[in-house]
């Protein structure tokens, strides 16, 4: 079963819930205030290693648009 992310608009709580795909569009009860929370789009990143053994993002070079002065902030 997939893990879905939710945000409660009542108390701003963010949480994850494992649910069947058939329940994907249904609201989930907030574990903090028990109000219905809406599902939000999950953000993620995926990394692999390049030919030299260095960590590289899958699907493009995220570093080209990065404004950080050091890779320490994103563990690259």
Protein backbone atom coordinates (compact mmCIF):
# COMPACT_ATOMS: atom_id res chain seq x y z
CA UNK A 1 0.00 0.00 0.00
CA UNK A 2 1.26 3.51 -0.77
CA UNK A 3 2.09 6.18 1.78
CA UNK A 4 0.16 9.43 1.33
CA UNK A 5 0.92 12.81 2.90
CA UNK A 6 -1.76 15.00 4.48
CA UNK A 7 -2.01 18.51 5.90
CA UNK A 8 -4.71 19.54 8.35
CA UNK A 9 -6.04 23.00 7.55
CA UNK A 10 -7.41 23.29 11.09
CA UNK A 11 -4.18 22.83 13.09
CA UNK A 12 -1.48 22.85 10.31
CA UNK A 13 -0.37 19.34 11.30
CA UNK A 14 1.47 17.37 8.60
CA UNK A 15 1.36 13.58 8.66
CA UNK A 16 1.64 10.44 6.54
CA UNK A 17 -0.77 7.55 6.30
CA UNK A 18 -0.52 4.15 4.64
CA UNK A 19 -3.75 3.56 2.74
CA UNK A 20 -5.07 1.48 -0.14
CA UNK A 21 -5.16 3.22 -3.53
CA UNK A 22 -8.97 3.02 -3.40
CA UNK A 23 -8.90 5.51 -0.47
CA UNK A 24 -6.39 7.90 -2.10
CA UNK A 25 -8.85 10.76 -2.66
CA UNK A 26 -10.61 10.52 0.69
CA UNK A 27 -9.67 12.87 3.55
CA UNK A 28 -7.85 11.33 6.53
CA UNK A 29 -8.46 12.11 10.21
CA UNK A 30 -5.75 14.34 11.67
CA UNK A 31 -3.92 12.56 14.52
CA UNK A 32 -3.65 15.88 16.40
CA UNK A 33 -7.17 17.35 16.24
CA UNK A 34 -9.19 14.55 14.55
CA UNK A 35 -10.53 16.92 11.82
CA UNK A 36 -10.48 15.80 8.18
CA UNK A 37 -7.14 16.56 6.51
CA UNK A 38 -6.61 16.82 2.76
CA UNK A 39 -3.99 14.87 0.84
CA UNK A 40 -1.10 16.92 -0.55
CA UNK A 41 1.35 16.23 -3.35
CA UNK A 42 4.52 14.61 -2.02
CA UNK A 43 7.90 16.10 -2.90
CA UNK A 44 10.91 13.85 -3.16
CA UNK A 45 14.31 13.62 -4.74
CA UNK A 46 16.18 10.64 -6.07
CA UNK A 47 19.95 10.26 -6.33
CA UNK A 48 22.38 7.79 -7.87
CA UNK A 49 26.11 7.85 -8.55
CA UNK A 50 27.72 9.11 -11.75
CA UNK A 51 30.63 7.52 -13.65
CA UNK A 52 33.14 8.98 -11.20
CA UNK A 53 31.29 7.63 -8.16
CA UNK A 54 29.97 11.05 -7.10
CA UNK A 55 26.34 11.46 -6.05
CA UNK A 56 24.15 12.75 -8.90
CA UNK A 57 20.42 13.56 -9.07
CA UNK A 58 18.23 11.29 -11.19
CA UNK A 59 16.26 13.14 -13.86
CA UNK A 60 18.46 16.20 -14.23
CA UNK A 61 21.03 18.37 -12.58
CA UNK A 62 19.42 20.07 -9.59
CA UNK A 63 22.71 21.78 -8.75
CA UNK A 64 22.55 24.06 -11.80
CA UNK A 65 19.62 25.95 -10.27
CA UNK A 66 20.89 25.80 -6.67
CA UNK A 67 21.78 29.07 -4.95
CA UNK A 68 23.59 27.49 -1.97
CA UNK A 69 27.25 28.36 -1.52
CA UNK A 70 28.08 24.80 -0.43
CA UNK A 71 26.79 21.30 -1.10
CA UNK A 72 26.81 20.67 2.67
CA UNK A 73 23.28 22.09 2.91
CA UNK A 74 21.83 19.31 0.74
CA UNK A 75 24.28 16.52 1.64
CA UNK A 76 25.67 16.25 -1.90
